[in-house]
Amino acid sequence: MPAGARKKGELLGRKLRRLRKERKLSPAEVAERSGVDPQDLARIERGEARVGLETLFRLLAAFEVDANELESLVADDRSEGAPIERFRRELGR
């Protein structure tokens, strides 16, 4: 993974881990709710795995993230290649 992508992956992983802990969910509970393998979740939280849009949105749904939280989650990453920016482009926003 290129250095820039790794840094973004680590940032996203830290934010997802924070969400999980704020909601007092175990990795197993998140895995069950989202359908994401627990080992993959651990790799995502450590920034070792890229997260596709489908996986990201399944995780966010498992955390019951609302639109305001989503905005703050991605506030630090508005680069053209950021998942939320790609999603916005697809929606035409």
Protein backbone atom coordinates (compact mmCIF):
# COMPACT_ATOMS: atom_id res chain seq x y z
CA MET A 1 0.00 0.00 0.00
CA PRO A 2 1.46 3.44 -0.91
CA ALA A 3 2.47 5.66 2.03
CA GLY A 4 -0.36 8.17 1.47
CA ALA A 5 -2.97 5.44 1.27
CA ARG A 6 -1.54 3.77 4.38
CA LYS A 7 -1.75 7.02 6.34
CA LYS A 8 -5.39 7.50 5.29
CA GLY A 9 -6.14 3.87 6.11
CA GLU A 10 -4.63 4.30 9.55
CA LEU A 11 -6.68 7.45 10.16
CA LEU A 12 -9.90 5.73 9.09
CA GLY A 13 -9.02 2.67 11.18
CA ARG A 14 -8.48 4.81 14.29
CA LYS A 15 -11.82 6.54 13.73
CA LEU A 16 -13.64 3.26 13.26
CA ARG A 17 -12.02 1.84 16.40
CA ARG A 18 -13.08 4.98 18.30
CA LEU A 19 -16.67 4.55 17.09
CA ARG A 20 -16.66 0.91 18.17
CA LYS A 21 -15.37 1.77 21.63
CA GLU A 22 -17.73 4.74 22.05
CA ARG A 23 -20.63 2.41 21.36
CA LYS A 24 -19.15 -0.18 23.72
CA LEU A 25 -19.15 -2.87 21.04
CA SER A 26 -16.76 -5.77 20.93
CA PRO A 27 -15.08 -6.65 17.63
CA ALA A 28 -17.24 -9.80 17.56
CA GLU A 29 -20.44 -7.73 17.90
CA VAL A 30 -19.38 -5.42 15.07
CA ALA A 31 -18.49 -8.42 12.93
CA GLU A 32 -21.88 -9.99 13.57
CA ARG A 33 -23.78 -6.76 12.84
CA SER A 34 -21.80 -5.87 9.72
CA GLY A 35 -20.90 -9.24 8.25
CA VAL A 36 -17.23 -8.20 8.24
CA ASP A 37 -14.87 -10.95 9.34
CA PRO A 38 -13.39 -10.18 12.81
CA GLN A 39 -9.85 -10.60 11.49
CA ASP A 40 -10.58 -8.18 8.64
CA LEU A 41 -12.06 -5.72 11.14
CA ALA A 42 -8.86 -5.90 13.20
CA ARG A 43 -6.75 -5.26 10.09
CA ILE A 44 -8.98 -2.31 9.14
CA GLU A 45 -8.73 -0.80 12.62
CA ARG A 46 -4.92 -1.10 12.46
CA GLY A 47 -4.87 0.55 9.02
CA GLU A 48 -3.46 -2.58 7.40
CA ALA A 49 -6.35 -3.18 5.01
CA ARG A 50 -8.08 -0.99 2.47
CA VAL A 51 -11.78 -0.49 3.00
CA GLY A 52 -14.14 -0.59 0.04
CA LEU A 53 -17.29 1.52 0.04
CA GLU A 54 -19.56 -1.45 0.60
CA THR A 55 -17.57 -2.59 3.64
CA LEU A 56 -17.32 0.95 4.99
CA PHE A 57 -21.06 1.47 4.79
CA ARG A 58 -21.76 -1.93 6.36
CA LEU A 59 -19.50 -0.94 9.26
CA LEU A 60 -21.12 2.48 9.58
CA ALA A 61 -24.56 0.86 9.60
CA ALA A 62 -23.38 -1.52 12.34
CA PHE A 63 -22.31 1.53 14.37
CA GLU A 64 -25.62 3.27 13.57
CA VAL A 65 -23.77 6.34 12.31
CA ASP A 66 -26.02 9.24 11.36
CA ALA A 67 -25.28 11.90 8.73
CA ASN A 68 -23.74 14.33 11.24
CA GLU A 69 -21.39 11.68 12.58
CA LEU A 70 -20.47 10.66 9.05
CA GLU A 71 -19.50 14.26 8.28
CA SER A 72 -17.24 14.43 11.34
CA LEU A 73 -15.80 11.01 10.58
CA VAL A 74 -14.57 12.16 7.18
CA ALA A 75 -13.89 15.81 8.07
CA ASP A 76 -10.14 15.18 8.20
CA ASP A 77 -10.08 13.46 4.82
CA ARG A 78 -11.59 15.38 1.95
CA SER A 79 -9.05 14.32 -0.62
CA GLU A 80 -10.33 13.43 -4.07
CA GLY A 81 -9.66 9.73 -3.45
CA ALA A 82 -11.37 9.57 -0.05
CA PRO A 83 -14.25 7.06 0.06
CA ILE A 84 -16.84 9.70 1.00
CA GLU A 85 -15.70 11.97 -1.83
CA ARG A 86 -15.99 9.12 -4.33
CA PHE A 87 -19.44 8.36 -2.92
CA ARG A 88 -20.49 12.01 -3.24
CA ARG A 89 -19.28 12.12 -6.85
CA GLU A 90 -21.32 9.02 -7.61
CA LEU A 91 -24.39 10.70 -6.12
CA GLY A 92 -23.68 13.88 -8.08
CA ARG A 93 -23.21 16.05 -4.99
